[in-house]
Amino acid sequence: MYKSNIIAAISMDMGEALDTNNELMTVGISNLLSGLTGGFTGSYIFSQTIFTYRTGCRSRWIGILVALTFVAVVVST
């Protein structure tokens, strides 16, 4: 229930409807992959969604940059 409330909040903030089932499926797959690889599950990505939407950024490169940054932090000493 918690995740669907966050998705509803993002939808309200954006002013447009989101496909709740698709968003929950994406979060579920991400959490599964994170759990299988020893990472942490979570919903920090929702904040990133709101921030990038508010700034007008519509590029997937932001997500790729965040992912690469996390990988760099994990493999660094």
PDB file of N, CA and C in Angstrom:
ATOM      1  N   MET A   1       0.815  -1.190   0.000  1.00  0.00           N
ATOM      2  CA  MET A   1       0.000   0.000   0.000  1.00  0.00           C
ATOM      3  C   MET A   1       0.859   1.255   0.000  1.00  0.00           C
ATOM      4  N   TYR A   2       2.013   1.196   0.666  1.00  0.00           N
ATOM      5  CA  TYR A   2       2.899   2.343   0.787  1.00  0.00           C
ATOM      6  C   TYR A   2       3.361   2.843  -0.586  1.00  0.00           C
ATOM      7  N   LYS A   3       3.789   1.929  -1.437  1.00  0.00           N
ATOM      8  CA  LYS A   3       4.296   2.315  -2.759  1.00  0.00           C
ATOM      9  C   LYS A   3       3.202   2.943  -3.611  1.00  0.00           C
ATOM     10  N   SER A   4       1.988   2.409  -3.535  1.00  0.00           N
ATOM     11  CA  SER A   4       0.914   2.981  -4.355  1.00  0.00           C
ATOM     12  C   SER A   4       0.559   4.388  -3.870  1.00  0.00           C
ATOM     13  N   ASN A   5       0.714   4.660  -2.584  1.00  0.00           N
ATOM     14  CA  ASN A   5       0.477   6.009  -2.076  1.00  0.00           C
ATOM     15  C   ASN A   5       1.522   6.976  -2.611  1.00  0.00           C
ATOM     16  N   ILE A   6       2.764   6.521  -2.700  1.00  0.00           N
ATOM     17  CA  ILE A   6       3.825   7.369  -3.246  1.00  0.00           C
ATOM     18  C   ILE A   6       3.560   7.650  -4.719  1.00  0.00           C
ATOM     19  N   ILE A   7       3.138   6.643  -5.460  1.00  0.00           N
ATOM     20  CA  ILE A   7       2.844   6.828  -6.882  1.00  0.00           C
ATOM     21  C   ILE A   7       1.694   7.806  -7.050  1.00  0.00           C
ATOM     22  N   ALA A   8       0.683   7.707  -6.199  1.00  0.00           N
ATOM     23  CA  ALA A   8      -0.438   8.651  -6.263  1.00  0.00           C
ATOM     24  C   ALA A   8       0.036  10.067  -5.965  1.00  0.00           C
ATOM     25  N   ALA A   9       0.959  10.208  -5.000  1.00  0.00           N
ATOM     26  CA  ALA A   9       1.487  11.533  -4.668  1.00  0.00           C
ATOM     27  C   ALA A   9       2.276  12.119  -5.829  1.00  0.00           C
ATOM     28  N   ILE A  10       3.071  11.299  -6.498  1.00  0.00           N
ATOM     29  CA  ILE A  10       3.828  11.774  -7.663  1.00  0.00           C
ATOM     30  C   ILE A  10       2.873  12.190  -8.765  1.00  0.00           C
ATOM     31  N   SER A  11       1.851  11.394  -8.988  1.00  0.00           N
ATOM     32  CA  SER A  11       0.863  11.711 -10.013  1.00  0.00           C
ATOM     33  C   SER A  11       0.190  13.045  -9.722  1.00  0.00           C
ATOM     34  N   MET A  12      -0.153  13.276  -8.468  1.00  0.00           N
ATOM     35  CA  MET A  12      -0.784  14.547  -8.095  1.00  0.00           C
ATOM     36  C   MET A  12       0.191  15.707  -8.286  1.00  0.00           C
ATOM     37  N   ASP A  13       1.440  15.508  -7.912  1.00  0.00           N
ATOM     38  CA  ASP A  13       2.442  16.560  -8.039  1.00  0.00           C
ATOM     39  C   ASP A  13       2.702  16.898  -9.499  1.00  0.00           C
ATOM     40  N   MET A  14       2.699  15.876 -10.358  1.00  0.00           N
ATOM     41  CA  MET A  14       2.971  16.081 -11.778  1.00  0.00           C
ATOM     42  C   MET A  14       1.760  16.640 -12.514  1.00  0.00           C
ATOM     43  N   GLY A  15       0.577  16.426 -11.960  1.00  0.00           N
ATOM     44  CA  GLY A  15      -0.624  16.919 -12.605  1.00  0.00           C
ATOM     45  C   GLY A  15      -1.087  16.067 -13.769  1.00  0.00           C
ATOM     46  N   GLU A  16      -0.590  14.848 -13.840  1.00  0.00           N
ATOM     47  CA  GLU A  16      -1.032  13.924 -14.897  1.00  0.00           C
ATOM     48  C   GLU A  16      -1.077  12.507 -14.342  1.00  0.00           C
ATOM     49  N   ALA A  17      -1.900  11.693 -14.935  1.00  0.00           N
ATOM     50  CA  ALA A  17      -2.085  10.326 -14.449  1.00  0.00           C
ATOM     51  C   ALA A  17      -0.882   9.455 -14.798  1.00  0.00           C
ATOM     52  N   LEU A  18      -0.502   8.614 -13.859  1.00  0.00           N
ATOM     53  CA  LEU A  18       0.545   7.628 -14.099  1.00  0.00           C
ATOM     54  C   LEU A  18      -0.100   6.249 -14.167  1.00  0.00           C
ATOM     55  N   ASP A  19       0.520   5.359 -14.882  1.00  0.00           N
ATOM     56  CA  ASP A  19       0.059   3.976 -14.938  1.00  0.00           C
ATOM     57  C   ASP A  19       0.554   3.279 -13.664  1.00  0.00           C
ATOM     58  N   THR A  20      -0.310   3.192 -12.668  1.00  0.00           N
ATOM     59  CA  THR A  20       0.077   2.662 -11.357  1.00  0.00           C
ATOM     60  C   THR A  20       0.621   1.251 -11.459  1.00  0.00           C
ATOM     61  N   ASN A  21      -0.025   0.399 -12.233  1.00  0.00           N
ATOM     62  CA  ASN A  21       0.449  -0.982 -12.368  1.00  0.00           C
ATOM     63  C   ASN A  21       1.853  -1.031 -12.953  1.00  0.00           C
ATOM     64  N   ASN A  22       2.116  -0.229 -13.969  1.00  0.00           N
ATOM     65  CA  ASN A  22       3.435  -0.199 -14.585  1.00  0.00           C
ATOM     66  C   ASN A  22       4.482   0.328 -13.607  1.00  0.00           C
ATOM     67  N   GLU A  23       4.143   1.370 -12.871  1.00  0.00           N
ATOM     68  CA  GLU A  23       5.086   1.940 -11.903  1.00  0.00           C
ATOM     69  C   GLU A  23       5.406   0.931 -10.799  1.00  0.00           C
ATOM     70  N   LEU A  24       4.381   0.239 -10.287  1.00  0.00           N
ATOM     71  CA  LEU A  24       4.607  -0.752  -9.239  1.00  0.00           C
ATOM     72  C   LEU A  24       5.411  -1.938  -9.760  1.00  0.00           C
ATOM     73  N   MET A  25       5.177  -2.329 -11.001  1.00  0.00           N
ATOM     74  CA  MET A  25       5.941  -3.422 -11.604  1.00  0.00           C
ATOM     75  C   MET A  25       7.417  -3.033 -11.722  1.00  0.00           C
ATOM     76  N   THR A  26       7.669  -1.796 -12.142  1.00  0.00           N
ATOM     77  CA  THR A  26       9.038  -1.311 -12.270  1.00  0.00           C
ATOM     78  C   THR A  26       9.741  -1.302 -10.915  1.00  0.00           C
ATOM     79  N   VAL A  27       9.060  -0.813  -9.887  1.00  0.00           N
ATOM     80  CA  VAL A  27       9.634  -0.784  -8.542  1.00  0.00           C
ATOM     81  C   VAL A  27       9.881  -2.204  -8.040  1.00  0.00           C
ATOM     82  N   GLY A  28       8.940  -3.100  -8.284  1.00  0.00           N
ATOM     83  CA  GLY A  28       9.094  -4.483  -7.845  1.00  0.00           C
ATOM     84  C   GLY A  28      10.278  -5.172  -8.491  1.00  0.00           C
ATOM     85  N   ILE A  29      10.432  -4.992  -9.783  1.00  0.00           N
ATOM     86  CA  ILE A  29      11.567  -5.603 -10.497  1.00  0.00           C
ATOM     87  C   ILE A  29      12.880  -5.003  -9.995  1.00  0.00           C
ATOM     88  N   SER A  30      12.898  -3.698  -9.810  1.00  0.00           N
ATOM     89  CA  SER A  30      14.113  -3.043  -9.308  1.00  0.00           C
ATOM     90  C   SER A  30      14.473  -3.554  -7.914  1.00  0.00           C
ATOM     91  N   ASN A  31      13.485  -3.692  -7.054  1.00  0.00           N
ATOM     92  CA  ASN A  31      13.738  -4.199  -5.707  1.00  0.00           C
ATOM     93  C   ASN A  31      14.204  -5.649  -5.733  1.00  0.00           C
ATOM     94  N   LEU A  32      13.641  -6.454  -6.621  1.00  0.00           N
ATOM     95  CA  LEU A  32      14.062  -7.845  -6.754  1.00  0.00           C
ATOM     96  C   LEU A  32      15.524  -7.924  -7.187  1.00  0.00           C
ATOM     97  N   LEU A  33      15.867  -7.180  -8.223  1.00  0.00           N
ATOM     98  CA  LEU A  33      17.246  -7.194  -8.709  1.00  0.00           C
ATOM     99  C   LEU A  33      18.212  -6.655  -7.660  1.00  0.00           C
ATOM    100  N   SER A  34      17.798  -5.621  -6.963  1.00  0.00           N
ATOM    101  CA  SER A  34      18.634  -5.068  -5.903  1.00  0.00           C
ATOM    102  C   SER A  34      18.848  -6.080  -4.783  1.00  0.00           C
ATOM    103  N   GLY A  35      17.790  -6.758  -4.395  1.00  0.00           N
ATOM    104  CA  GLY A  35      17.896  -7.765  -3.344  1.00  0.00           C
ATOM    105  C   GLY A  35      18.762  -8.942  -3.755  1.00  0.00           C
ATOM    106  N   LEU A  36      18.637  -9.382  -5.003  1.00  0.00           N
ATOM    107  CA  LEU A  36      19.426 -10.521  -5.487  1.00  0.00           C
ATOM    108  C   LEU A  36      20.908 -10.199  -5.597  1.00  0.00           C
ATOM    109  N   THR A  37      21.235  -8.939  -5.779  1.00  0.00           N
ATOM    110  CA  THR A  37      22.643  -8.547  -5.928  1.00  0.00           C
ATOM    111  C   THR A  37      23.231  -7.972  -4.644  1.00  0.00           C
ATOM    112  N   GLY A  38      22.506  -8.092  -3.531  1.00  0.00           N
ATOM    113  CA  GLY A  38      23.023  -7.648  -2.251  1.00  0.00           C
ATOM    114  C   GLY A  38      22.841  -6.166  -1.989  1.00  0.00           C
ATOM    115  N   GLY A  39      22.033  -5.513  -2.786  1.00  0.00           N
ATOM    116  CA  GLY A  39      21.798  -4.083  -2.601  1.00  0.00           C
ATOM    117  C   GLY A  39      20.640  -3.821  -1.668  1.00  0.00           C
ATOM    118  N   PHE A  40      20.288  -2.573  -1.552  1.00  0.00           N
ATOM    119  CA  PHE A  40      19.185  -2.164  -0.694  1.00  0.00           C
ATOM    120  C   PHE A  40      17.964  -1.872  -1.538  1.00  0.00           C
ATOM    121  N   THR A  41      16.823  -2.304  -1.061  1.00  0.00           N
ATOM    122  CA  THR A  41      15.580  -1.941  -1.735  1.00  0.00           C
ATOM    123  C   THR A  41      15.138  -0.587  -1.225  1.00  0.00           C
ATOM    124  N   GLY A  42      14.318   0.100  -1.998  1.00  0.00           N
ATOM    125  CA  GLY A  42      13.861   1.403  -1.544  1.00  0.00           C
ATOM    126  C   GLY A  42      13.127   2.160  -2.622  1.00  0.00           C
ATOM    127  N   SER A  43      12.731   3.356  -2.278  1.00  0.00           N
ATOM    128  CA  SER A  43      11.954   4.156  -3.218  1.00  0.00           C
ATOM    129  C   SER A  43      12.552   5.542  -3.412  1.00  0.00           C
ATOM    130  N   TYR A  44      13.870   5.666  -3.265  1.00  0.00           N
ATOM    131  CA  TYR A  44      14.523   6.955  -3.478  1.00  0.00           C
ATOM    132  C   TYR A  44      14.315   7.458  -4.895  1.00  0.00           C
ATOM    133  N   ILE A  45      14.054   6.546  -5.804  1.00  0.00           N
ATOM    134  CA  ILE A  45      13.872   6.905  -7.207  1.00  0.00           C
ATOM    135  C   ILE A  45      12.664   7.818  -7.395  1.00  0.00           C
ATOM    136  N   PHE A  46      11.681   7.737  -6.491  1.00  0.00           N
ATOM    137  CA  PHE A  46      10.506   8.592  -6.608  1.00  0.00           C
ATOM    138  C   PHE A  46      10.879  10.058  -6.435  1.00  0.00           C
ATOM    139  N   SER A  47      11.792  10.345  -5.519  1.00  0.00           N
ATOM    140  CA  SER A  47      12.253  11.726  -5.349  1.00  0.00           C
ATOM    141  C   SER A  47      12.938  12.204  -6.615  1.00  0.00           C
ATOM    142  N   GLN A  48      13.743  11.335  -7.203  1.00  0.00           N
ATOM    143  CA  GLN A  48      14.427  11.695  -8.446  1.00  0.00           C
ATOM    144  C   GLN A  48      13.402  11.980  -9.537  1.00  0.00           C
ATOM    145  N   THR A  49      12.342  11.202  -9.594  1.00  0.00           N
ATOM    146  CA  THR A  49      11.290  11.417 -10.590  1.00  0.00           C
ATOM    147  C   THR A  49      10.677  12.801 -10.438  1.00  0.00           C
ATOM    148  N   ILE A  50      10.356  13.179  -9.218  1.00  0.00           N
ATOM    149  CA  ILE A  50       9.749  14.492  -8.976  1.00  0.00           C
ATOM    150  C   ILE A  50      10.725  15.612  -9.306  1.00  0.00           C
ATOM    151  N   PHE A  51      11.985  15.483  -8.857  1.00  0.00           N
ATOM    152  CA  PHE A  51      12.967  16.540  -9.103  1.00  0.00           C
ATOM    153  C   PHE A  51      13.224  16.745 -10.595  1.00  0.00           C
ATOM    154  N   THR A  52      13.382  15.644 -11.338  1.00  0.00           N
ATOM    155  CA  THR A  52      13.653  15.796 -12.771  1.00  0.00           C
ATOM    156  C   THR A  52      12.430  16.329 -13.507  1.00  0.00           C
ATOM    157  N   TYR A  53      11.246  15.944 -13.062  1.00  0.00           N
ATOM    158  CA  TYR A  53      10.037  16.462 -13.695  1.00  0.00           C
ATOM    159  C   TYR A  53       9.906  17.962 -13.472  1.00  0.00           C
ATOM    160  N   ARG A  54      10.167  18.403 -12.255  1.00  0.00           N
ATOM    161  CA  ARG A  54      10.046  19.831 -11.933  1.00  0.00           C
ATOM    162  C   ARG A  54      11.074  20.682 -12.674  1.00  0.00           C
ATOM    163  N   THR A  55      12.235  20.118 -12.943  1.00  0.00           N
ATOM    164  CA  THR A  55      13.267  20.877 -13.650  1.00  0.00           C
ATOM    165  C   THR A  55      13.095  20.821 -15.161  1.00  0.00           C
ATOM    166  N   GLY A  56      12.155  20.028 -15.627  1.00  0.00           N
ATOM    167  CA  GLY A  56      11.885  19.946 -17.053  1.00  0.00           C
ATOM    168  C   GLY A  56      12.766  18.955 -17.801  1.00  0.00           C
ATOM    169  N   CYS A  57      13.524  18.167 -17.069  1.00  0.00           N
ATOM    170  CA  CYS A  57      14.403  17.184 -17.707  1.00  0.00           C
ATOM    171  C   CYS A  57      13.582  15.962 -18.099  1.00  0.00           C
ATOM    172  N   ARG A  58      13.663  15.558 -19.332  1.00  0.00           N
ATOM    173  CA  ARG A  58      12.918  14.394 -19.812  1.00  0.00           C
ATOM    174  C   ARG A  58      13.853  13.313 -20.364  1.00  0.00           C
ATOM    175  N   SER A  59      15.116  13.383 -20.005  1.00  0.00           N
ATOM    176  CA  SER A  59      16.120  12.467 -20.541  1.00  0.00           C
ATOM    177  C   SER A  59      16.334  11.270 -19.621  1.00  0.00           C
ATOM    178  N   ARG A  60      16.529  10.112 -20.210  1.00  0.00           N
ATOM    179  CA  ARG A  60      16.852   8.912 -19.437  1.00  0.00           C
ATOM    180  C   ARG A  60      18.301   8.939 -18.965  1.00  0.00           C
ATOM    181  N   TRP A  61      19.089   9.846 -19.482  1.00  0.00           N
ATOM    182  CA  TRP A  61      20.497   9.932 -19.103  1.00  0.00           C
ATOM    183  C   TRP A  61      20.667  10.258 -17.623  1.00  0.00           C
ATOM    184  N   ILE A  62      19.700  10.937 -17.030  1.00  0.00           N
ATOM    185  CA  ILE A  62      19.773  11.238 -15.602  1.00  0.00           C
ATOM    186  C   ILE A  62      19.796   9.937 -14.804  1.00  0.00           C
ATOM    187  N   GLY A  63      18.911   9.016 -15.115  1.00  0.00           N
ATOM    188  CA  GLY A  63      18.875   7.726 -14.424  1.00  0.00           C
ATOM    189  C   GLY A  63      20.138   6.920 -14.653  1.00  0.00           C
ATOM    190  N   ILE A  64      20.643   6.964 -15.873  1.00  0.00           N
ATOM    191  CA  ILE A  64      21.880   6.247 -16.185  1.00  0.00           C
ATOM    192  C   ILE A  64      23.044   6.847 -15.397  1.00  0.00           C
ATOM    193  N   LEU A  65      23.095   8.175 -15.325  1.00  0.00           N
ATOM    194  CA  LEU A  65      24.149   8.838 -14.564  1.00  0.00           C
ATOM    195  C   LEU A  65      24.074   8.473 -13.075  1.00  0.00           C
ATOM    196  N   VAL A  66      22.876   8.448 -12.523  1.00  0.00           N
ATOM    197  CA  VAL A  66      22.707   8.064 -11.115  1.00  0.00           C
ATOM    198  C   VAL A  66      23.161   6.618 -10.911  1.00  0.00           C
ATOM    199  N   ALA A  67      22.770   5.718 -11.805  1.00  0.00           N
ATOM    200  CA  ALA A  67      23.166   4.313 -11.689  1.00  0.00           C
ATOM    201  C   ALA A  67      24.681   4.161 -11.759  1.00  0.00           C
ATOM    202  N   LEU A  68      25.309   4.851 -12.690  1.00  0.00           N
ATOM    203  CA  LEU A  68      26.767   4.771 -12.820  1.00  0.00           C
ATOM    204  C   LEU A  68      27.470   5.353 -11.590  1.00  0.00           C
ATOM    205  N   THR A  69      26.906   6.401 -11.034  1.00  0.00           N
ATOM    206  CA  THR A  69      27.473   6.995  -9.824  1.00  0.00           C
ATOM    207  C   THR A  69      27.408   6.001  -8.665  1.00  0.00           C
ATOM    208  N   PHE A  70      26.267   5.327  -8.514  1.00  0.00           N
ATOM    209  CA  PHE A  70      26.146   4.338  -7.446  1.00  0.00           C
ATOM    210  C   PHE A  70      27.123   3.199  -7.644  1.00  0.00           C
ATOM    211  N   VAL A  71      27.293   2.742  -8.876  1.00  0.00           N
ATOM    212  CA  VAL A  71      28.259   1.676  -9.156  1.00  0.00           C
ATOM    213  C   VAL A  71      29.667   2.151  -8.798  1.00  0.00           C
ATOM    214  N   ALA A  72      30.013   3.381  -9.176  1.00  0.00           N
ATOM    215  CA  ALA A  72      31.339   3.924  -8.870  1.00  0.00           C
ATOM    216  C   ALA A  72      31.569   3.988  -7.361  1.00  0.00           C
ATOM    217  N   VAL A  73      30.545   4.379  -6.617  1.00  0.00           N
ATOM    218  CA  VAL A  73      30.685   4.447  -5.151  1.00  0.00           C
ATOM    219  C   VAL A  73      30.892   3.060  -4.567  1.00  0.00           C
ATOM    220  N   VAL A  74      30.156   2.084  -5.078  1.00  0.00           N
ATOM    221  CA  VAL A  74      30.258   0.721  -4.542  1.00  0.00           C
ATOM    222  C   VAL A  74      31.626   0.113  -4.827  1.00  0.00           C
ATOM    223  N   VAL A  75      32.159   0.313  -6.019  1.00  0.00           N
ATOM    224  CA  VAL A  75      33.448  -0.327  -6.371  1.00  0.00           C
ATOM    225  C   VAL A  75      34.652   0.472  -5.905  1.00  0.00           C
ATOM    226  N   SER A  76      34.466   1.707  -5.490  1.00  0.00           N
ATOM    227  CA  SER A  76      35.601   2.496  -5.002  1.00  0.00           C
ATOM    228  C   SER A  76      35.976   2.052  -3.593  1.00  0.00           C
ATOM    229  N   THR A  77      37.187   2.345  -3.230  1.00  0.00           N
ATOM    230  CA  THR A  77      37.653   1.941  -1.900  1.00  0.00           C
ATOM    231  C   THR A  77      37.452   3.051  -0.890  1.00  0.00           C
TER     232      THR A  77
END
